[in-house]
Amino acid sequence: DAQWIWSPAHAKDHVPETACFFRKTFEAPNLNAAVIEVA
């Protein structure tokens, strides 16, 4: 269940024209495959 996210500095449907930067760190073992989906 992925969530739509943005900066907590802005309320939903009241976001100015600006950039927001996101990071997610995680630990990974040896992998056979990795796929990411983004919108």
PDB file of all heavy atoms in Angstrom:
ATOM      1  N   ASP A   1       0.828  -1.189   0.000  1.00  0.00           N
ATOM      2  CA  ASP A   1       0.000   0.000   0.000  1.00  0.00           C
ATOM      3  C   ASP A   1       0.872   1.252   0.000  1.00  0.00           C
ATOM      4  O   ASP A   1       1.174   1.809   1.060  1.00  0.00           O
ATOM      5  CB  ASP A   1      -0.926  -0.011   1.212  1.00  0.00           C
ATOM      6  CG  ASP A   1      -1.978  -1.103   1.102  1.00  0.00           C
ATOM      7  OD1 ASP A   1      -2.460  -1.341  -0.006  1.00  0.00           O
ATOM      8  OD2 ASP A   1      -2.288  -1.697   2.128  1.00  0.00           O
ATOM      9  N   ALA A   2       1.279   1.666  -1.169  1.00  0.00           N
ATOM     10  CA  ALA A   2       2.060   2.895  -1.286  1.00  0.00           C
ATOM     11  C   ALA A   2       1.178   4.094  -0.984  1.00  0.00           C
ATOM     12  O   ALA A   2      -0.042   4.059  -1.181  1.00  0.00           O
ATOM     13  CB  ALA A   2       2.649   3.002  -2.690  1.00  0.00           C
ATOM     14  N   GLN A   3       1.798   5.181  -0.505  1.00  0.00           N
ATOM     15  CA  GLN A   3       1.075   6.397  -0.136  1.00  0.00           C
ATOM     16  C   GLN A   3       1.536   7.563  -1.013  1.00  0.00           C
ATOM     17  O   GLN A   3       2.704   7.638  -1.398  1.00  0.00           O
ATOM     18  CB  GLN A   3       1.335   6.745   1.333  1.00  0.00           C
ATOM     19  CG  GLN A   3       1.035   5.618   2.299  1.00  0.00           C
ATOM     20  CD  GLN A   3      -0.445   5.364   2.473  1.00  0.00           C
ATOM     21  OE1 GLN A   3      -1.237   6.305   2.556  1.00  0.00           O
ATOM     22  NE2 GLN A   3      -0.831   4.103   2.544  1.00  0.00           N
ATOM     23  N   TRP A   4       0.605   8.453  -1.316  1.00  0.00           N
ATOM     24  CA  TRP A   4       0.982   9.717  -1.940  1.00  0.00           C
ATOM     25  C   TRP A   4       1.597  10.597  -0.850  1.00  0.00           C
ATOM     26  O   TRP A   4       1.002  10.771   0.221  1.00  0.00           O
ATOM     27  CB  TRP A   4      -0.238  10.418  -2.529  1.00  0.00           C
ATOM     28  CG  TRP A   4      -0.733   9.806  -3.812  1.00  0.00           C
ATOM     29  CD1 TRP A   4      -1.767   8.935  -3.950  1.00  0.00           C
ATOM     30  CD2 TRP A   4      -0.216  10.031  -5.133  1.00  0.00           C
ATOM     31  NE1 TRP A   4      -1.935   8.598  -5.273  1.00  0.00           N
ATOM     32  CE2 TRP A   4      -0.997   9.258  -6.025  1.00  0.00           C
ATOM     33  CE3 TRP A   4       0.820  10.808  -5.642  1.00  0.00           C
ATOM     34  CZ2 TRP A   4      -0.766   9.240  -7.392  1.00  0.00           C
ATOM     35  CZ3 TRP A   4       1.042  10.798  -7.019  1.00  0.00           C
ATOM     36  CH2 TRP A   4       0.265  10.026  -7.870  1.00  0.00           C
ATOM     37  N   ILE A   5       2.786  11.128  -1.100  1.00  0.00           N
ATOM     38  CA  ILE A   5       3.483  11.921  -0.086  1.00  0.00           C
ATOM     39  C   ILE A   5       3.964  13.251  -0.668  1.00  0.00           C
ATOM     40  O   ILE A   5       4.068  13.419  -1.881  1.00  0.00           O
ATOM     41  CB  ILE A   5       4.696  11.166   0.501  1.00  0.00           C
ATOM     42  CG1 ILE A   5       5.723  10.824  -0.593  1.00  0.00           C
ATOM     43  CG2 ILE A   5       4.242   9.886   1.225  1.00  0.00           C
ATOM     44  CD1 ILE A   5       7.016  10.210  -0.071  1.00  0.00           C
ATOM     45  N   TRP A   6       4.254  14.191   0.248  1.00  0.00           N
ATOM     46  CA  TRP A   6       4.857  15.479  -0.113  1.00  0.00           C
ATOM     47  C   TRP A   6       5.460  16.073   1.161  1.00  0.00           C
ATOM     48  O   TRP A   6       5.449  15.439   2.232  1.00  0.00           O
ATOM     49  CB  TRP A   6       3.841  16.423  -0.747  1.00  0.00           C
ATOM     50  CG  TRP A   6       4.491  17.508  -1.580  1.00  0.00           C
ATOM     51  CD1 TRP A   6       4.688  18.804  -1.236  1.00  0.00           C
ATOM     52  CD2 TRP A   6       5.057  17.347  -2.890  1.00  0.00           C
ATOM     53  NE1 TRP A   6       5.324  19.489  -2.252  1.00  0.00           N
ATOM     54  CE2 TRP A   6       5.567  18.607  -3.286  1.00  0.00           C
ATOM     55  CE3 TRP A   6       5.190  16.289  -3.769  1.00  0.00           C
ATOM     56  CZ2 TRP A   6       6.192  18.824  -4.513  1.00  0.00           C
ATOM     57  CZ3 TRP A   6       5.797  16.505  -4.990  1.00  0.00           C
ATOM     58  CH2 TRP A   6       6.292  17.761  -5.350  1.00  0.00           C
ATOM     59  N   SER A   7       5.942  17.277   1.055  1.00  0.00           N
ATOM     60  CA  SER A   7       6.537  17.946   2.213  1.00  0.00           C
ATOM     61  C   SER A   7       5.467  18.314   3.245  1.00  0.00           C
ATOM     62  O   SER A   7       4.387  18.782   2.880  1.00  0.00           O
ATOM     63  CB  SER A   7       7.269  19.211   1.769  1.00  0.00           C
ATOM     64  OG  SER A   7       7.593  20.016   2.881  1.00  0.00           O
ATOM     65  N   PRO A   8       5.756  18.156   4.548  1.00  0.00           N
ATOM     66  CA  PRO A   8       4.802  18.578   5.582  1.00  0.00           C
ATOM     67  C   PRO A   8       4.655  20.090   5.673  1.00  0.00           C
ATOM     68  O   PRO A   8       3.784  20.592   6.388  1.00  0.00           O
ATOM     69  CB  PRO A   8       5.400  17.994   6.865  1.00  0.00           C
ATOM     70  CG  PRO A   8       6.859  17.894   6.579  1.00  0.00           C
ATOM     71  CD  PRO A   8       6.962  17.540   5.129  1.00  0.00           C
ATOM     72  N   ALA A   9       5.498  20.826   4.920  1.00  0.00           N
ATOM     73  CA  ALA A   9       5.394  22.284   4.924  1.00  0.00           C
ATOM     74  C   ALA A   9       4.173  22.767   4.151  1.00  0.00           C
ATOM     75  O   ALA A   9       3.797  23.938   4.265  1.00  0.00           O
ATOM     76  CB  ALA A   9       6.656  22.903   4.330  1.00  0.00           C
ATOM     77  N   HIS A  10       3.557  21.870   3.368  1.00  0.00           N
ATOM     78  CA  HIS A  10       2.419  22.266   2.541  1.00  0.00           C
ATOM     79  C   HIS A  10       1.228  21.366   2.798  1.00  0.00           C
ATOM     80  O   HIS A  10       1.369  20.157   2.962  1.00  0.00           O
ATOM     81  CB  HIS A  10       2.783  22.211   1.055  1.00  0.00           C
ATOM     82  CG  HIS A  10       3.996  23.011   0.705  1.00  0.00           C
ATOM     83  ND1 HIS A  10       4.086  24.364   0.936  1.00  0.00           N
ATOM     84  CD2 HIS A  10       5.181  22.638   0.153  1.00  0.00           C
ATOM     85  CE1 HIS A  10       5.276  24.797   0.530  1.00  0.00           C
ATOM     86  NE2 HIS A  10       5.953  23.774   0.057  1.00  0.00           N
ATOM     87  N   ALA A  11       0.048  21.955   2.818  1.00  0.00           N
ATOM     88  CA  ALA A  11      -1.183  21.187   2.966  1.00  0.00           C
ATOM     89  C   ALA A  11      -1.591  20.606   1.617  1.00  0.00           C
ATOM     90  O   ALA A  11      -1.257  21.148   0.559  1.00  0.00           O
ATOM     91  CB  ALA A  11      -2.292  22.077   3.515  1.00  0.00           C
ATOM     92  N   LYS A  12      -2.322  19.490   1.660  1.00  0.00           N
ATOM     93  CA  LYS A  12      -2.804  18.867   0.434  1.00  0.00           C
ATOM     94  C   LYS A  12      -3.652  19.849  -0.365  1.00  0.00           C
ATOM     95  O   LYS A  12      -4.497  20.549   0.164  1.00  0.00           O
ATOM     96  CB  LYS A  12      -3.616  17.624   0.776  1.00  0.00           C
ATOM     97  CG  LYS A  12      -4.071  16.808  -0.431  1.00  0.00           C
ATOM     98  CD  LYS A  12      -4.779  15.556   0.031  1.00  0.00           C
ATOM     99  CE  LYS A  12      -5.194  14.700  -1.150  1.00  0.00           C
ATOM    100  NZ  LYS A  12      -6.270  15.303  -1.934  1.00  0.00           N
ATOM    101  N   ASP A  13      -3.409  19.891  -1.674  1.00  0.00           N
ATOM    102  CA  ASP A  13      -4.120  20.765  -2.610  1.00  0.00           C
ATOM    103  C   ASP A  13      -3.817  22.244  -2.396  1.00  0.00           C
ATOM    104  O   ASP A  13      -4.540  23.106  -2.897  1.00  0.00           O
ATOM    105  CB  ASP A  13      -5.633  20.533  -2.531  1.00  0.00           C
ATOM    106  CG  ASP A  13      -6.026  19.112  -2.899  1.00  0.00           C
ATOM    107  OD1 ASP A  13      -5.324  18.521  -3.740  1.00  0.00           O
ATOM    108  OD2 ASP A  13      -7.007  18.599  -2.353  1.00  0.00           O
ATOM    109  N   HIS A  14      -2.740  22.538  -1.645  1.00  0.00           N
ATOM    110  CA  HIS A  14      -2.296  23.925  -1.461  1.00  0.00           C
ATOM    111  C   HIS A  14      -0.776  23.979  -1.556  1.00  0.00           C
ATOM    112  O   HIS A  14      -0.093  24.513  -0.674  1.00  0.00           O
ATOM    113  CB  HIS A  14      -2.778  24.481  -0.123  1.00  0.00           C
ATOM    114  CG  HIS A  14      -4.251  24.692  -0.056  1.00  0.00           C
ATOM    115  ND1 HIS A  14      -5.127  23.684   0.297  1.00  0.00           N
ATOM    116  CD2 HIS A  14      -5.016  25.786  -0.325  1.00  0.00           C
ATOM    117  CE1 HIS A  14      -6.360  24.146   0.259  1.00  0.00           C
ATOM    118  NE2 HIS A  14      -6.332  25.406  -0.109  1.00  0.00           N
ATOM    119  N   VAL A  15      -0.253  23.369  -2.627  1.00  0.00           N
ATOM    120  CA  VAL A  15       1.198  23.282  -2.815  1.00  0.00           C
ATOM    121  C   VAL A  15       1.642  24.297  -3.861  1.00  0.00           C
ATOM    122  O   VAL A  15       1.131  24.301  -4.977  1.00  0.00           O
ATOM    123  CB  VAL A  15       1.614  21.864  -3.255  1.00  0.00           C
ATOM    124  CG1 VAL A  15       3.126  21.794  -3.452  1.00  0.00           C
ATOM    125  CG2 VAL A  15       1.155  20.834  -2.228  1.00  0.00           C
ATOM    126  N   PRO A  16       2.579  25.171  -3.540  1.00  0.00           N
ATOM    127  CA  PRO A  16       3.066  26.133  -4.537  1.00  0.00           C
ATOM    128  C   PRO A  16       3.944  25.442  -5.575  1.00  0.00           C
ATOM    129  O   PRO A  16       4.323  24.285  -5.411  1.00  0.00           O
ATOM    130  CB  PRO A  16       3.876  27.115  -3.685  1.00  0.00           C
ATOM    131  CG  PRO A  16       4.359  26.299  -2.533  1.00  0.00           C
ATOM    132  CD  PRO A  16       3.238  25.331  -2.234  1.00  0.00           C
ATOM    133  N   GLU A  17       4.255  26.151  -6.615  1.00  0.00           N
ATOM    134  CA  GLU A  17       5.146  25.609  -7.639  1.00  0.00           C
ATOM    135  C   GLU A  17       6.565  25.624  -7.089  1.00  0.00           C
ATOM    136  O   GLU A  17       7.228  26.668  -7.050  1.00  0.00           O
ATOM    137  CB  GLU A  17       5.028  26.436  -8.926  1.00  0.00           C
ATOM    138  CG  GLU A  17       3.633  26.351  -9.562  1.00  0.00           C
ATOM    139  CD  GLU A  17       3.523  27.166 -10.841  1.00  0.00           C
ATOM    140  OE1 GLU A  17       4.570  27.646 -11.324  1.00  0.00           O
ATOM    141  OE2 GLU A  17       2.399  27.325 -11.346  1.00  0.00           O
ATOM    142  N   THR A  18       7.011  24.447  -6.673  1.00  0.00           N
ATOM    143  CA  THR A  18       8.313  24.339  -6.021  1.00  0.00           C
ATOM    144  C   THR A  18       8.809  22.908  -6.103  1.00  0.00           C
ATOM    145  O   THR A  18       8.081  22.010  -6.527  1.00  0.00           O
ATOM    146  CB  THR A  18       8.208  24.769  -4.541  1.00  0.00           C
ATOM    147  OG1 THR A  18       9.507  24.791  -3.954  1.00  0.00           O
ATOM    148  CG2 THR A  18       7.332  23.806  -3.757  1.00  0.00           C
ATOM    149  N   ALA A  19      10.050  22.688  -5.687  1.00  0.00           N
ATOM    150  CA  ALA A  19      10.643  21.352  -5.654  1.00  0.00           C
ATOM    151  C   ALA A  19      10.647  20.823  -4.230  1.00  0.00           C
ATOM    152  O   ALA A  19      10.705  21.582  -3.262  1.00  0.00           O
ATOM    153  CB  ALA A  19      12.056  21.386  -6.209  1.00  0.00           C
ATOM    154  N   CYS A  20      10.554  19.504  -4.119  1.00  0.00           N
ATOM    155  CA  CYS A  20      10.656  18.835  -2.833  1.00  0.00           C
ATOM    156  C   CYS A  20      11.578  17.635  -3.011  1.00  0.00           C
ATOM    157  O   CYS A  20      11.519  16.949  -4.045  1.00  0.00           O
ATOM    158  CB  CYS A  20       9.285  18.386  -2.343  1.00  0.00           C
ATOM    159  SG  CYS A  20       9.281  17.755  -0.661  1.00  0.00           S
ATOM    160  N   PHE A  21      12.430  17.379  -2.021  1.00  0.00           N
ATOM    161  CA  PHE A  21      13.442  16.330  -2.113  1.00  0.00           C
ATOM    162  C   PHE A  21      13.114  15.227  -1.098  1.00  0.00           C
ATOM    163  O   PHE A  21      12.786  15.502   0.056  1.00  0.00           O
ATOM    164  CB  PHE A  21      14.826  16.910  -1.861  1.00  0.00           C
ATOM    165  CG  PHE A  21      15.160  18.033  -2.800  1.00  0.00           C
ATOM    166  CD1 PHE A  21      14.800  19.339  -2.493  1.00  0.00           C
ATOM    167  CD2 PHE A  21      15.807  17.784  -3.996  1.00  0.00           C
ATOM    168  CE1 PHE A  21      15.088  20.384  -3.368  1.00  0.00           C
ATOM    169  CE2 PHE A  21      16.094  18.819  -4.882  1.00  0.00           C
ATOM    170  CZ  PHE A  21      15.736  20.115  -4.567  1.00  0.00           C
ATOM    171  N   PHE A  22      13.205  13.978  -1.559  1.00  0.00           N
ATOM    172  CA  PHE A  22      12.841  12.831  -0.729  1.00  0.00           C
ATOM    173  C   PHE A  22      13.985  11.809  -0.697  1.00  0.00           C
ATOM    174  O   PHE A  22      14.714  11.630  -1.677  1.00  0.00           O
ATOM    175  CB  PHE A  22      11.595  12.145  -1.286  1.00  0.00           C
ATOM    176  CG  PHE A  22      10.368  13.014  -1.296  1.00  0.00           C
ATOM    177  CD1 PHE A  22      10.042  13.766  -2.422  1.00  0.00           C
ATOM    178  CD2 PHE A  22       9.533  13.084  -0.186  1.00  0.00           C
ATOM    179  CE1 PHE A  22       8.910  14.555  -2.437  1.00  0.00           C
ATOM    180  CE2 PHE A  22       8.401  13.883  -0.195  1.00  0.00           C
ATOM    181  CZ  PHE A  22       8.085  14.615  -1.327  1.00  0.00           C
ATOM    182  N   ARG A  23      14.084  11.126   0.452  1.00  0.00           N
ATOM    183  CA  ARG A  23      15.076  10.059   0.614  1.00  0.00           C
ATOM    184  C   ARG A  23      14.454   8.893   1.379  1.00  0.00           C
ATOM    185  O   ARG A  23      13.642   9.082   2.272  1.00  0.00           O
ATOM    186  CB  ARG A  23      16.281  10.560   1.415  1.00  0.00           C
ATOM    187  CG  ARG A  23      17.221  11.481   0.686  1.00  0.00           C
ATOM    188  CD  ARG A  23      18.248  12.060   1.662  1.00  0.00           C
ATOM    189  NE  ARG A  23      18.881  11.054   2.491  1.00  0.00           N
ATOM    190  CZ  ARG A  23      19.979  10.381   2.153  1.00  0.00           C
ATOM    191  NH1 ARG A  23      20.558  10.606   0.978  1.00  0.00           N
ATOM    192  NH2 ARG A  23      20.498   9.477   2.965  1.00  0.00           N
ATOM    193  N   LYS A  24      14.874   7.679   1.010  1.00  0.00           N
ATOM    194  CA  LYS A  24      14.518   6.477   1.761  1.00  0.00           C
ATOM    195  C   LYS A  24      15.733   5.564   1.798  1.00  0.00           C
ATOM    196  O   LYS A  24      16.196   5.063   0.770  1.00  0.00           O
ATOM    197  CB  LYS A  24      13.344   5.753   1.107  1.00  0.00           C
ATOM    198  CG  LYS A  24      12.993   4.420   1.765  1.00  0.00           C
ATOM    199  CD  LYS A  24      12.524   4.586   3.184  1.00  0.00           C
ATOM    200  CE  LYS A  24      12.111   3.248   3.791  1.00  0.00           C
ATOM    201  NZ  LYS A  24      11.656   3.399   5.201  1.00  0.00           N
ATOM    202  N   THR A  25      16.309   5.353   3.003  1.00  0.00           N
ATOM    203  CA  THR A  25      17.442   4.459   3.151  1.00  0.00           C
ATOM    204  C   THR A  25      16.948   3.091   3.610  1.00  0.00           C
ATOM    205  O   THR A  25      15.952   2.976   4.326  1.00  0.00           O
ATOM    206  CB  THR A  25      18.462   5.010   4.156  1.00  0.00           C
ATOM    207  OG1 THR A  25      17.813   5.218   5.409  1.00  0.00           O
ATOM    208  CG2 THR A  25      19.042   6.315   3.658  1.00  0.00           C
ATOM    209  N   PHE A  26      17.656   2.045   3.203  1.00  0.00           N
ATOM    210  CA  PHE A  26      17.284   0.681   3.582  1.00  0.00           C
ATOM    211  C   PHE A  26      18.497  -0.227   3.429  1.00  0.00           C
ATOM    212  O   PHE A  26      19.458   0.096   2.718  1.00  0.00           O
ATOM    213  CB  PHE A  26      16.131   0.169   2.708  1.00  0.00           C
ATOM    214  CG  PHE A  26      16.446   0.130   1.227  1.00  0.00           C
ATOM    215  CD1 PHE A  26      16.896  -1.025   0.618  1.00  0.00           C
ATOM    216  CD2 PHE A  26      16.276   1.264   0.448  1.00  0.00           C
ATOM    217  CE1 PHE A  26      17.180  -1.061  -0.744  1.00  0.00           C
ATOM    218  CE2 PHE A  26      16.554   1.254  -0.915  1.00  0.00           C
ATOM    219  CZ  PHE A  26      17.009   0.079  -1.506  1.00  0.00           C
ATOM    220  N   GLU A  27      18.448  -1.342   4.128  1.00  0.00           N
ATOM    221  CA  GLU A  27      19.496  -2.351   4.042  1.00  0.00           C
ATOM    222  C   GLU A  27      19.079  -3.421   3.042  1.00  0.00           C
ATOM    223  O   GLU A  27      17.930  -3.882   3.046  1.00  0.00           O
ATOM    224  CB  GLU A  27      19.745  -2.987   5.409  1.00  0.00           C
ATOM    225  CG  GLU A  27      20.211  -2.010   6.475  1.00  0.00           C
ATOM    226  CD  GLU A  27      21.577  -1.423   6.163  1.00  0.00           C
ATOM    227  OE1 GLU A  27      22.462  -2.182   5.690  1.00  0.00           O
ATOM    228  OE2 GLU A  27      21.769  -0.207   6.388  1.00  0.00           O
ATOM    229  N   ALA A  28      20.010  -3.814   2.186  1.00  0.00           N
ATOM    230  CA  ALA A  28      19.699  -4.816   1.167  1.00  0.00           C
ATOM    231  C   ALA A  28      20.720  -5.947   1.204  1.00  0.00           C
ATOM    232  O   ALA A  28      21.929  -5.691   1.295  1.00  0.00           O
ATOM    233  CB  ALA A  28      19.681  -4.183  -0.222  1.00  0.00           C
ATOM    234  N   PRO A  29      20.259  -7.200   1.151  1.00  0.00           N
ATOM    235  CA  PRO A  29      21.170  -8.337   1.007  1.00  0.00           C
ATOM    236  C   PRO A  29      21.537  -8.503  -0.463  1.00  0.00           C
ATOM    237  O   PRO A  29      21.262  -7.628  -1.295  1.00  0.00           O
ATOM    238  CB  PRO A  29      20.309  -9.507   1.509  1.00  0.00           C
ATOM    239  CG  PRO A  29      18.918  -9.102   1.090  1.00  0.00           C
ATOM    240  CD  PRO A  29      18.860  -7.598   1.223  1.00  0.00           C
ATOM    241  N   ASN A  30      22.140  -9.625  -0.796  1.00  0.00           N
ATOM    242  CA  ASN A  30      22.397  -9.913  -2.208  1.00  0.00           C
ATOM    243  C   ASN A  30      21.063 -10.121  -2.923  1.00  0.00           C
ATOM    244  O   ASN A  30      20.188 -10.851  -2.439  1.00  0.00           O
ATOM    245  CB  ASN A  30      23.259 -11.174  -2.346  1.00  0.00           C
ATOM    246  CG  ASN A  30      24.676 -10.955  -1.861  1.00  0.00           C
ATOM    247  OD1 ASN A  30      25.251  -9.885  -2.072  1.00  0.00           O
ATOM    248  ND2 ASN A  30      25.241 -11.947  -1.187  1.00  0.00           N
ATOM    249  N   LEU A  31      20.897  -9.467  -4.071  1.00  0.00           N
ATOM    250  CA  LEU A  31      19.619  -9.474  -4.775  1.00  0.00           C
ATOM    251  C   LEU A  31      19.708 -10.152  -6.132  1.00  0.00           C
ATOM    252  O   LEU A  31      20.746 -10.110  -6.799  1.00  0.00           O
ATOM    253  CB  LEU A  31      19.118  -8.044  -4.964  1.00  0.00           C
ATOM    254  CG  LEU A  31      18.850  -7.215  -3.703  1.00  0.00           C
ATOM    255  CD1 LEU A  31      18.436  -5.806  -4.086  1.00  0.00           C
ATOM    256  CD2 LEU A  31      17.769  -7.873  -2.852  1.00  0.00           C
ATOM    257  N   ASN A  32      18.587 -10.731  -6.518  1.00  0.00           N
ATOM    258  CA  ASN A  32      18.447 -11.236  -7.885  1.00  0.00           C
ATOM    259  C   ASN A  32      17.741 -10.222  -8.772  1.00  0.00           C
ATOM    260  O   ASN A  32      17.963 -10.185  -9.983  1.00  0.00           O
ATOM    261  CB  ASN A  32      17.639 -12.542  -7.890  1.00  0.00           C
ATOM    262  CG  ASN A  32      18.496 -13.759  -7.594  1.00  0.00           C
ATOM    263  OD1 ASN A  32      19.717 -13.680  -7.615  1.00  0.00           O
ATOM    264  ND2 ASN A  32      17.854 -14.875  -7.299  1.00  0.00           N
ATOM    265  N   ALA A  33      16.863  -9.403  -8.172  1.00  0.00           N
ATOM    266  CA  ALA A  33      16.099  -8.439  -8.960  1.00  0.00           C
ATOM    267  C   ALA A  33      15.685  -7.275  -8.084  1.00  0.00           C
ATOM    268  O   ALA A  33      15.515  -7.424  -6.865  1.00  0.00           O
ATOM    269  CB  ALA A  33      14.869  -9.103  -9.572  1.00  0.00           C
ATOM    270  N   ALA A  34      15.532  -6.113  -8.693  1.00  0.00           N
ATOM    271  CA  ALA A  34      15.054  -4.914  -8.000  1.00  0.00           C
ATOM    272  C   ALA A  34      14.350  -4.021  -9.014  1.00  0.00           C
ATOM    273  O   ALA A  34      14.953  -3.631 -10.025  1.00  0.00           O
ATOM    274  CB  ALA A  34      16.199  -4.173  -7.331  1.00  0.00           C
ATOM    275  N   VAL A  35      13.086  -3.721  -8.750  1.00  0.00           N
ATOM    276  CA  VAL A  35      12.279  -2.882  -9.651  1.00  0.00           C
ATOM    277  C   VAL A  35      11.637  -1.781  -8.825  1.00  0.00           C
ATOM    278  O   VAL A  35      11.143  -2.030  -7.716  1.00  0.00           O
ATOM    279  CB  VAL A  35      11.195  -3.707 -10.368  1.00  0.00           C
ATOM    280  CG1 VAL A  35      10.307  -2.806 -11.213  1.00  0.00           C
ATOM    281  CG2 VAL A  35      11.821  -4.792 -11.222  1.00  0.00           C
ATOM    282  N   ILE A  36      11.655  -0.561  -9.358  1.00  0.00           N
ATOM    283  CA  ILE A  36      11.012   0.563  -8.692  1.00  0.00           C
ATOM    284  C   ILE A  36       9.986   1.171  -9.636  1.00  0.00           C
ATOM    285  O   ILE A  36      10.196   1.236 -10.853  1.00  0.00           O
ATOM    286  CB  ILE A  36      12.054   1.622  -8.253  1.00  0.00           C
ATOM    287  CG1 ILE A  36      11.385   2.721  -7.415  1.00  0.00           C
ATOM    288  CG2 ILE A  36      12.777   2.218  -9.447  1.00  0.00           C
ATOM    289  CD1 ILE A  36      12.378   3.662  -6.753  1.00  0.00           C
ATOM    290  N   GLU A  37       8.842   1.589  -9.078  1.00  0.00           N
ATOM    291  CA  GLU A  37       7.794   2.257  -9.830  1.00  0.00           C
ATOM    292  C   GLU A  37       7.572   3.636  -9.227  1.00  0.00           C
ATOM    293  O   GLU A  37       7.491   3.773  -8.003  1.00  0.00           O
ATOM    294  CB  GLU A  37       6.493   1.459  -9.771  1.00  0.00           C
ATOM    295  CG  GLU A  37       6.599   0.071 -10.383  1.00  0.00           C
ATOM    296  CD  GLU A  37       5.352  -0.740 -10.130  1.00  0.00           C
ATOM    297  OE1 GLU A  37       5.025  -0.971  -8.946  1.00  0.00           O
ATOM    298  OE2 GLU A  37       4.683  -1.133 -11.111  1.00  0.00           O
ATOM    299  N   VAL A  38       7.467   4.651 -10.096  1.00  0.00           N
ATOM    300  CA  VAL A  38       7.367   6.028  -9.627  1.00  0.00           C
ATOM    301  C   VAL A  38       6.317   6.781 -10.441  1.00  0.00           C
ATOM    302  O   VAL A  38       6.243   6.638 -11.668  1.00  0.00           O
ATOM    303  CB  VAL A  38       8.713   6.775  -9.751  1.00  0.00           C
ATOM    304  CG1 VAL A  38       8.611   8.170  -9.129  1.00  0.00           C
ATOM    305  CG2 VAL A  38       9.840   5.981  -9.106  1.00  0.00           C
ATOM    306  N   ALA A  39       5.522   7.575  -9.747  1.00  0.00           N
ATOM    307  CA  ALA A  39       4.644   8.553 -10.394  1.00  0.00           C
ATOM    308  C   ALA A  39       4.696   9.826  -9.569  1.00  0.00           C
ATOM    309  O   ALA A  39       4.809   9.773  -8.336  1.00  0.00           O
ATOM    310  CB  ALA A  39       3.211   8.043 -10.494  1.00  0.00           C
TER     311      ALA A  39
END
